[in-house]
Amino acid sequence: MIELEGVPELIDPVMVAAFEGWNDAGDAASTAVAHLDREWKGEVFAALDAEDYYDFQVNRPTVWMDAGVRKITWPTTRLSVVRVGGEKPRDLVLVRGIEPSMRWRSFCNELLGFAHELGVELVVILGALLGDTPHTRPVPISGTTSDADLARRMNLEETKYEGPTGIVGVLQEACTHAGVPAVSLWAAVPHYVSQPPNPKATLALLNRLEDLIDVRIPLGELPEDARAWQVGVDQLAAEDSEVAEYVQTLEEARDTAELPEASGEAIAREFERYLRRRDGGGPTPGGHATADGGDGSYLRDNPGLTRPPKPPRPGPGPGLGPDDEESSED
C-alpha cells in the first residue's frame, strides 16, 4: 500500500506525465511538464527508487557541491502536485522523469498505485517524435487513446499503432488495462533540427493539453522563445540552399495535406483559446521515436541543422498527417 503523507485531498485530479529519452524529441515533452511544475510551484511528494528502474551506466548520477559538501543526484522519476486556481479549481499530479532502463511493468504499476491513491480521473502522457514536418508551420499534435469511448468524447484518435514502443505506449496500455482513462499527446519535431530545446513544440503540447483538460496554463516567456527559435532556424536554413529546398518541399507537402484543416473548426479552436486567455485576465506568466516507429538517435548529437538526403519531390498527400502522427506511438 502506498502511503501519501502530507498530500491534501485533491480536486478532480489529472496526472500529466513525460519522460526524457526515446519518447522526448527536442526535450519538448519533459520541458512542458517542467514548465507546469515551475509556473505553479509544484511540491514534490514522492520519488521512485532509482535502484529499481535505472541502469546507472546508461543514466549516470551527477555530483554537485552544496555549501562545500559533495552530494549526488540520482536519475529517477518524481511526482509533484500543483493546484490550478480559478472558478473551477483542480489539481494536477505531475510525473517527470527518465524512461526506465528495466522493470517497466513494475514501474507502471507503481505509478498507477499513486494514481489510484490520489483519485486520479485521467492520465495524460506527453511525448515528442521526429517527423517530416517543416519548422515554419504549426507543430502537429496528435491525441491518441486505446479507449473507444474516450476517443469519441474527447475527439481523439483511437490508436492502431503496431511496432516498437517506449514507456509512453507501455504506460498508456497499463492504464487501459487498469481501467484508468489515459490519453497520449504527441508533438512532431522536425528531424533536421532535433536538438533541444524546442520551445515551439513545447508550446504546442501545452496548448493542446489546455484544451484537453480545460484549464488556463500560464505560458510565461514560451511564446517569445518559440518565435525566437523559429527565427534562428530560419536563419540557419537560409544559409544552406539544400536545406532550404528541403524545407520548401516539406511546406508544400504539409500545405497540400492539411488544406481541409484551414477550416472553420481550426479557426474556431484558436479563437476560443484567445478568448479564454483574454477573459482569464492578469499576466500570462538518447535517441527518439520517429514517425515510422524507428530510432532517430543519430540526429541527436549534430549541432545546428541536419542536412537531409535529397529525396524525390513528394506528390500531394505525404508529410506528417493525422495517420502518420498516430502511427508514431501509442
Protein backbone atom coordinates (compact mmCIF):
# COMPACT_ATOMS: atom_id res chain seq x y z
CA MET A 1 0.00 0.00 0.00
CA ILE A 2 1.31 3.44 -0.92
CA GLU A 3 1.04 5.94 1.90
CA LEU A 4 0.99 9.59 0.89
CA GLU A 5 1.66 11.69 3.93
CA GLY A 6 1.22 15.43 3.63
CA VAL A 7 -0.73 15.30 0.36
CA PRO A 8 -4.11 17.02 0.75
CA GLU A 9 -7.32 15.67 -0.73
CA LEU A 10 -7.19 16.57 -4.40
CA ILE A 11 -9.85 18.23 -6.57
CA ASP A 12 -10.66 16.45 -9.87
CA PRO A 13 -7.01 15.39 -10.24
CA VAL A 14 -5.39 14.75 -13.61
CA MET A 15 -1.99 13.06 -13.86
CA VAL A 16 0.31 14.60 -16.50
CA ALA A 17 3.48 12.64 -17.26
CA ALA A 18 6.54 12.96 -19.50
CA PHE A 19 9.78 11.03 -19.71
CA GLU A 20 13.16 12.02 -21.09
CA GLY A 21 14.69 9.75 -23.72
CA TRP A 22 13.27 7.97 -26.76
CA ASN A 23 9.81 9.50 -26.27
CA ASP A 24 11.06 13.09 -25.98
CA ALA A 25 12.47 14.56 -29.20
CA GLY A 26 13.83 18.04 -28.63
CA ASP A 27 13.05 17.58 -24.91
CA ALA A 28 9.66 19.05 -25.84
CA ALA A 29 7.52 16.83 -23.58
CA SER A 30 9.68 16.83 -20.44
CA THR A 31 10.12 20.60 -20.78
CA ALA A 32 6.33 21.01 -20.90
CA VAL A 33 5.88 19.20 -17.57
CA ALA A 34 8.82 21.13 -16.09
CA HIS A 35 7.10 24.35 -17.19
CA LEU A 36 3.89 23.37 -15.40
CA ASP A 37 5.85 22.47 -12.27
CA ARG A 38 7.73 25.78 -12.31
CA GLU A 39 4.78 28.06 -13.13
CA TRP A 40 2.51 26.53 -10.50
CA LYS A 41 5.29 25.92 -7.94
CA GLY A 42 4.81 22.19 -7.65
CA GLU A 43 5.66 20.39 -4.44
CA VAL A 44 7.42 17.03 -4.82
CA PHE A 45 5.77 14.41 -2.62
CA ALA A 46 7.29 11.18 -3.95
CA ALA A 47 10.23 9.79 -5.93
CA LEU A 48 10.59 6.27 -7.28
CA ASP A 49 13.59 4.27 -6.04
CA ALA A 50 16.27 4.73 -8.68
CA GLU A 51 17.84 1.34 -7.82
CA ASP A 52 14.72 -0.44 -9.07
CA TYR A 53 14.45 1.02 -12.55
CA TYR A 54 17.65 2.63 -13.83
CA ASP A 55 20.96 1.39 -15.20
CA PHE A 56 23.43 3.92 -13.83
CA GLN A 57 25.89 3.22 -16.66
CA VAL A 58 23.21 4.48 -19.05
CA ASN A 59 21.77 7.28 -16.92
CA ARG A 60 24.62 8.31 -14.66
CA PRO A 61 24.14 10.13 -11.34
CA THR A 62 25.60 13.62 -11.03
CA VAL A 63 27.80 15.03 -8.27
CA TRP A 64 27.38 18.61 -7.08
CA MET A 65 28.52 20.84 -4.24
CA ASP A 66 26.18 22.21 -1.58
CA ALA A 67 27.88 24.63 0.82
CA GLY A 68 31.14 22.74 0.40
CA VAL A 69 29.52 19.32 0.81
CA ARG A 70 29.52 16.91 -2.14
CA LYS A 71 26.11 15.45 -2.92
CA ILE A 72 24.78 13.04 -5.52
CA THR A 73 21.59 13.38 -7.53
CA TRP A 74 20.32 10.03 -8.79
CA PRO A 75 18.31 9.69 -12.01
CA THR A 76 14.72 8.90 -11.11
CA THR A 77 11.07 9.82 -11.62
CA ARG A 78 9.46 12.34 -9.27
CA LEU A 79 5.84 13.20 -8.58
CA SER A 80 4.58 16.62 -7.56
CA VAL A 81 1.19 18.24 -7.04
CA VAL A 82 0.03 21.64 -8.24
CA ARG A 83 -3.32 23.36 -7.73
CA VAL A 84 -4.84 25.27 -10.64
CA GLY A 85 -6.99 28.10 -9.32
CA GLY A 86 -9.89 29.93 -10.93
CA GLU A 87 -13.63 29.43 -10.98
CA LYS A 88 -13.18 25.66 -11.30
CA PRO A 89 -10.04 24.75 -9.34
CA ARG A 90 -8.48 21.38 -9.99
CA ASP A 91 -5.23 19.62 -9.14
CA LEU A 92 -2.56 18.21 -11.40
CA VAL A 93 -0.26 15.37 -10.41
CA LEU A 94 2.93 15.95 -12.42
CA VAL A 95 5.16 12.97 -13.23
CA ARG A 96 8.57 13.85 -14.63
CA GLY A 97 11.48 11.52 -15.05
CA ILE A 98 13.61 9.43 -17.38
CA GLU A 99 12.45 6.44 -19.38
CA PRO A 100 13.37 3.50 -17.13
CA SER A 101 16.07 1.03 -18.12
CA MET A 102 14.32 -2.02 -16.68
CA ARG A 103 11.20 -3.43 -14.96
CA TRP A 104 8.77 -1.36 -16.99
CA ARG A 105 5.71 -3.26 -15.77
CA SER A 106 6.61 -2.69 -12.14
CA PHE A 107 7.37 0.95 -12.95
CA CYS A 108 3.91 1.44 -14.47
CA ASN A 109 2.21 -0.42 -11.64
CA GLU A 110 3.89 1.86 -9.09
CA LEU A 111 2.71 4.98 -10.92
CA LEU A 112 -0.79 3.53 -11.17
CA GLY A 113 -0.70 2.87 -7.44
CA PHE A 114 -0.13 6.58 -6.85
CA ALA A 115 -2.89 7.42 -9.34
CA HIS A 116 -5.33 5.16 -7.51
CA GLU A 117 -4.48 6.50 -4.06
CA LEU A 118 -4.81 10.10 -5.24
CA GLY A 119 -8.11 9.54 -7.05
CA VAL A 120 -6.73 10.48 -10.47
CA GLU A 121 -9.54 10.72 -13.03
CA LEU A 122 -7.43 10.95 -16.19
CA VAL A 123 -3.81 10.28 -17.15
CA VAL A 124 -2.29 12.43 -19.92
CA ILE A 125 1.12 11.34 -21.18
CA LEU A 126 3.14 13.78 -23.28
CA GLY A 127 5.60 12.71 -25.94
CA ALA A 128 7.53 14.07 -28.91
CA LEU A 129 8.84 12.32 -32.01
CA LEU A 130 10.96 13.15 -35.04
CA GLY A 131 8.96 13.65 -38.23
CA ASP A 132 8.95 15.07 -41.73
CA THR A 133 7.40 18.35 -40.68
CA PRO A 134 8.62 21.87 -41.53
CA HIS A 135 9.63 24.16 -38.68
CA THR A 136 7.76 27.03 -40.37
CA ARG A 137 4.29 25.53 -39.87
CA PRO A 138 2.25 24.90 -36.70
CA VAL A 139 3.53 21.89 -34.79
CA PRO A 140 1.34 18.83 -35.46
CA ILE A 141 -0.11 17.42 -32.25
CA SER A 142 -1.81 14.04 -32.27
CA GLY A 143 -4.01 12.89 -29.42
CA THR A 144 -4.48 9.14 -29.13
CA THR A 145 -6.13 6.70 -26.75
CA SER A 146 -6.88 2.99 -26.57
CA ASP A 147 -10.35 3.69 -25.19
CA ALA A 148 -13.02 3.93 -27.92
CA ASP A 149 -15.47 5.81 -25.68
CA LEU A 150 -12.79 8.29 -24.61
CA ALA A 151 -11.81 8.80 -28.25
CA ARG A 152 -15.39 9.78 -29.12
CA ARG A 153 -15.94 12.00 -26.07
CA MET A 154 -12.65 13.90 -26.32
CA ASN A 155 -12.26 14.00 -30.11
CA LEU A 156 -9.16 11.80 -30.13
CA GLU A 157 -7.80 9.14 -32.44
CA GLU A 158 -8.17 5.52 -31.35
CA THR A 159 -4.64 4.21 -31.72
CA LYS A 160 -3.98 1.32 -34.06
CA TYR A 161 -0.19 1.57 -33.97
CA GLU A 162 1.87 -1.62 -34.19
CA GLY A 163 5.63 -1.66 -33.74
CA PRO A 164 8.36 -0.63 -31.27
CA THR A 165 7.13 1.41 -28.35
CA GLY A 166 8.53 3.36 -25.42
CA ILE A 167 7.42 3.91 -21.87
CA VAL A 168 4.66 6.26 -23.09
CA GLY A 169 2.98 3.45 -25.00
CA VAL A 170 3.50 0.92 -22.21
CA LEU A 171 2.10 3.26 -19.54
CA GLN A 172 -0.94 4.09 -21.66
CA GLU A 173 -1.73 0.40 -22.12
CA ALA A 174 -1.18 -0.24 -18.41
CA CYS A 175 -3.73 2.48 -17.65
CA THR A 176 -6.20 0.97 -20.10
CA HIS A 177 -5.92 -2.50 -18.53
CA ALA A 178 -6.30 -0.95 -15.06
CA GLY A 179 -9.46 0.90 -16.10
CA VAL A 180 -7.86 4.35 -15.83
CA PRO A 181 -8.73 6.71 -18.72
CA ALA A 182 -5.48 7.64 -20.50
CA VAL A 183 -4.52 9.88 -23.39
CA SER A 184 -1.20 10.40 -25.18
CA LEU A 185 -0.39 13.74 -26.80
CA TRP A 186 2.45 13.66 -29.33
CA ALA A 187 4.28 16.60 -30.87
CA ALA A 188 6.08 16.17 -34.19
CA VAL A 189 9.56 17.75 -34.15
CA PRO A 190 11.41 18.47 -37.44
CA HIS A 191 14.04 15.78 -37.80
CA TYR A 192 16.52 18.22 -39.37
CA VAL A 193 16.58 20.38 -36.23
CA SER A 194 16.08 17.82 -33.48
CA GLN A 195 18.45 19.02 -30.77
CA PRO A 196 16.84 20.56 -27.66
CA PRO A 197 15.33 22.82 -26.72
CA ASN A 198 12.30 23.14 -28.98
CA PRO A 199 10.04 25.74 -27.31
CA LYS A 200 7.68 25.76 -30.28
CA ALA A 201 6.86 22.07 -29.78
CA THR A 202 6.61 22.54 -26.01
CA LEU A 203 4.17 25.42 -26.52
CA ALA A 204 2.05 23.34 -28.90
CA LEU A 205 1.84 20.49 -26.37
CA LEU A 206 0.75 22.87 -23.61
CA ASN A 207 -1.90 24.46 -25.83
CA ARG A 208 -3.33 21.03 -26.66
CA LEU A 209 -3.21 19.99 -23.01
CA GLU A 210 -5.03 23.20 -22.08
CA ASP A 211 -7.84 22.36 -24.49
CA LEU A 212 -7.99 18.75 -23.34
CA ILE A 213 -8.31 19.31 -19.59
CA ASP A 214 -9.99 22.74 -19.77
CA VAL A 215 -7.53 24.76 -17.70
CA ARG A 216 -5.73 28.00 -18.45
CA ILE A 217 -1.99 27.35 -18.48
CA PRO A 218 0.33 30.33 -17.84
CA LEU A 219 2.80 30.38 -20.71
CA GLY A 220 5.36 32.84 -19.40
CA GLU A 221 8.07 33.51 -21.99
CA LEU A 222 7.34 30.41 -24.07
CA PRO A 223 5.58 32.24 -26.95
CA GLU A 224 8.52 34.63 -27.33
CA ASP A 225 11.01 31.76 -27.03
CA ALA A 226 9.12 29.87 -29.75
CA ARG A 227 9.25 32.88 -32.08
CA ALA A 228 12.97 33.36 -31.44
CA TRP A 229 13.59 29.65 -32.06
CA GLN A 230 11.83 29.80 -35.43
CA VAL A 231 13.74 32.93 -36.47
CA GLY A 232 17.01 31.22 -35.55
CA VAL A 233 16.17 28.11 -37.58
CA ASP A 234 15.05 30.31 -40.49
CA GLN A 235 18.46 31.95 -40.50
CA LEU A 236 20.32 28.63 -40.37
CA ALA A 237 18.19 27.18 -43.17
CA ALA A 238 18.74 30.26 -45.34
CA GLU A 239 22.50 29.65 -45.17
CA ASP A 240 22.20 26.21 -46.78
CA SER A 241 20.39 26.03 -50.14
CA GLU A 242 19.94 22.26 -49.88
CA VAL A 243 18.22 22.53 -46.51
CA ALA A 244 16.13 25.49 -47.70
CA GLU A 245 14.93 23.49 -50.71
CA TYR A 246 14.08 20.54 -48.49
CA VAL A 247 12.10 22.75 -46.10
CA GLN A 248 10.16 24.15 -49.04
CA THR A 249 9.34 20.61 -50.15
CA LEU A 250 8.01 19.79 -46.67
CA GLU A 251 5.98 23.02 -46.64
CA GLU A 252 4.32 22.18 -49.95
CA ALA A 253 3.50 18.65 -48.81
CA ARG A 254 2.13 19.86 -45.49
CA ASP A 255 0.02 22.60 -47.05
CA THR A 256 -1.46 20.18 -49.57
CA ALA A 257 -2.20 17.50 -46.99
CA GLU A 258 -3.75 19.88 -44.49
CA LEU A 259 -5.74 22.12 -46.81
CA PRO A 260 -9.04 20.84 -45.32
CA GLU A 261 -7.77 21.83 -41.85
CA ALA A 262 -7.84 25.51 -42.83
CA SER A 263 -11.50 25.32 -41.94
CA GLY A 264 -13.91 26.89 -39.52
CA GLU A 265 -13.14 24.23 -36.88
CA ALA A 266 -9.41 25.04 -36.71
CA ILE A 267 -10.05 28.78 -36.69
CA ALA A 268 -12.73 28.44 -34.02
CA ARG A 269 -10.37 26.43 -31.81
CA GLU A 270 -7.74 29.16 -31.92
CA PHE A 271 -10.34 31.87 -31.32
CA GLU A 272 -11.70 30.03 -28.26
CA ARG A 273 -8.19 29.81 -26.84
CA TYR A 274 -7.70 33.54 -27.41
CA LEU A 275 -10.98 34.35 -25.62
CA ARG A 276 -10.12 32.06 -22.72
CA ARG A 277 -6.77 33.76 -22.19
CA ARG A 278 -8.26 37.26 -22.55
CA ASP A 279 -11.08 36.54 -20.10
CA GLY A 280 -8.65 34.98 -17.63
CA GLY A 281 -7.05 38.40 -17.06
CA GLY A 282 -3.73 39.05 -15.37
CA PRO A 283 -0.24 38.41 -16.73
CA THR A 284 0.48 35.24 -18.66
CA PRO A 285 3.23 34.14 -16.84
CA GLY A 286 19.24 9.33 -26.19
CA GLY A 287 17.51 8.65 -29.42
CA HIS A 288 13.92 9.49 -30.21
CA ALA A 289 10.80 7.94 -31.61
CA THR A 290 10.21 8.71 -35.26
CA ALA A 291 7.03 8.75 -37.31
CA ASP A 292 7.73 5.23 -38.57
CA GLY A 293 8.49 3.85 -35.11
CA GLY A 294 12.24 3.85 -35.69
CA ASP A 295 15.09 5.44 -33.81
CA GLY A 296 16.41 8.86 -34.86
CA SER A 297 19.22 8.92 -32.31
CA TYR A 298 21.85 9.66 -34.96
CA LEU A 299 20.41 13.16 -35.28
CA ARG A 300 20.77 14.00 -31.60
CA ASP A 301 24.47 14.89 -31.49
CA ASN A 302 24.59 17.01 -34.63
CA PRO A 303 24.76 20.76 -33.93
CA GLY A 304 22.57 23.15 -35.88
CA LEU A 305 20.64 21.71 -38.80
CA THR A 306 20.99 18.17 -40.07
CA ARG A 307 21.36 18.24 -43.83
CA PRO A 308 18.73 15.89 -45.27
CA PRO A 309 19.30 13.40 -48.06
CA LYS A 310 17.91 14.74 -51.31
CA PRO A 311 14.54 12.99 -51.60
CA PRO A 312 12.32 12.85 -54.67
CA ARG A 313 9.78 15.68 -54.50
CA PRO A 314 6.64 14.17 -52.94
CA GLY A 315 3.24 14.40 -54.54
CA PRO A 316 0.03 15.52 -52.84
CA GLY A 317 -0.75 13.98 -49.52
CA PRO A 318 2.55 12.98 -47.84
CA GLY A 319 4.05 14.59 -44.82
CA LEU A 320 3.08 14.10 -41.22
CA GLY A 321 -0.69 14.00 -41.39
CA PRO A 322 -3.03 12.55 -38.76
CA ASP A 323 -2.40 8.94 -39.82
CA ASP A 324 1.36 9.36 -39.66
CA GLU A 325 1.10 11.00 -36.26
CA GLU A 326 -1.00 8.16 -34.97
CA SER A 327 1.48 5.61 -36.32
CA SER A 328 4.25 7.20 -34.29
CA GLU A 329 3.37 5.75 -30.94
CA ASP A 330 0.59 4.75 -28.68
